[in-house]
Amino acid sequence: MARVERYQEGAPCWADVQTPDVEAAKTFYAAVFGWTFQDLPTPDGRSYAQAFIDEDLVSVIAPQNPKQEAAGQPAQWNVYFAADDARSLAHDVVHAGGTVQFGPEDVDDTGVMLFMEVPGGGTTGVWQAGTHTGSALYNEHGAFAWTELLTPEPQAAVAFFQHLFGHDVTEYLQDDGGIYITLMVDGAEVAGIAPAPGVEGDEEAKASPATLGWQVYFGVSSASEAVLAAAAAGAEVLVEPEFGEDAGALVATLKDPQGGVFSVVEIEPAPST
């Protein structure tokens, strides 16, 4: 898939990062993905940056909210699912076993935003499109390509999303005996849900942002080159490029200089026409 005009309800449509240092994050992600930026003001007098591949909007780098700043939290990537009616969906969140954390709230004419907490943990964004539909590119170099939820309660999370969006699911037995579950929309796999590694009886793992919550993947033409560029720009390499059993491609996991954890997945080049 290349350019996207509209995302179906229940499909992840957008990912953005909240960071303690917007300018430093811009420098970093420009080095890794080749993003260019347009700065825009926030209501509180700060600025955020829209990120582009050529002329296509693919993400946003935003300042942290006051609560995150006060707590000294690291940068965090947020994942959003497309919804036809965010306000109606918000009423169903509690019945599905989750909680509403923020919204639903109009974001000018661009859309309606909602944040909710999945049973077992995992802050999840919901986006009802207005003038902004989501990432203009998907599964391309420098663009959102996949996401998966690592949770101590995968079955509860699956039931939650099925209640809200009616996802079908596919289950894959892993070499370690665990089960990797994919959420599906109209027969296409759109997101993964998996048991968080090392959470039982391991308090250190429970506290690690790299082992719980939504993991965001960006496409790259070369995973090895992306890791080298990220390391040169100050990233910590959490997982060196390796063949991902679920992705079917080379995958690496990185932590940006402000603490934001993300992965890159090597994508096949688009066929020439």
Foldseek 3Di string as FASTA:
>chain_A
DWFDDADDFLFWFAKEKAAQDQVLVVVLLCLQQVWDWDWDADPVGHIKIFTDDPNWTAYIYHHDDPVCVVVLHFMEMAIEGEDQDVVVLQVCQVVLPKHWDDDQDDPDQQWTKTWIAAVQGAIHIYTYGGVHRGGRTEQDGSHWDAKEFAGQCQVSRVSSSCSRGVWDKDWDQDPVRWIKIFTDDPRHGRYIYTHFPPPPPDVVSVPDPVRGYMATEGERQDQQVSVVSSVVSPKDWPARFDQDPVVRFTKTWIAHPRGYIYMYTHGDDDDDD
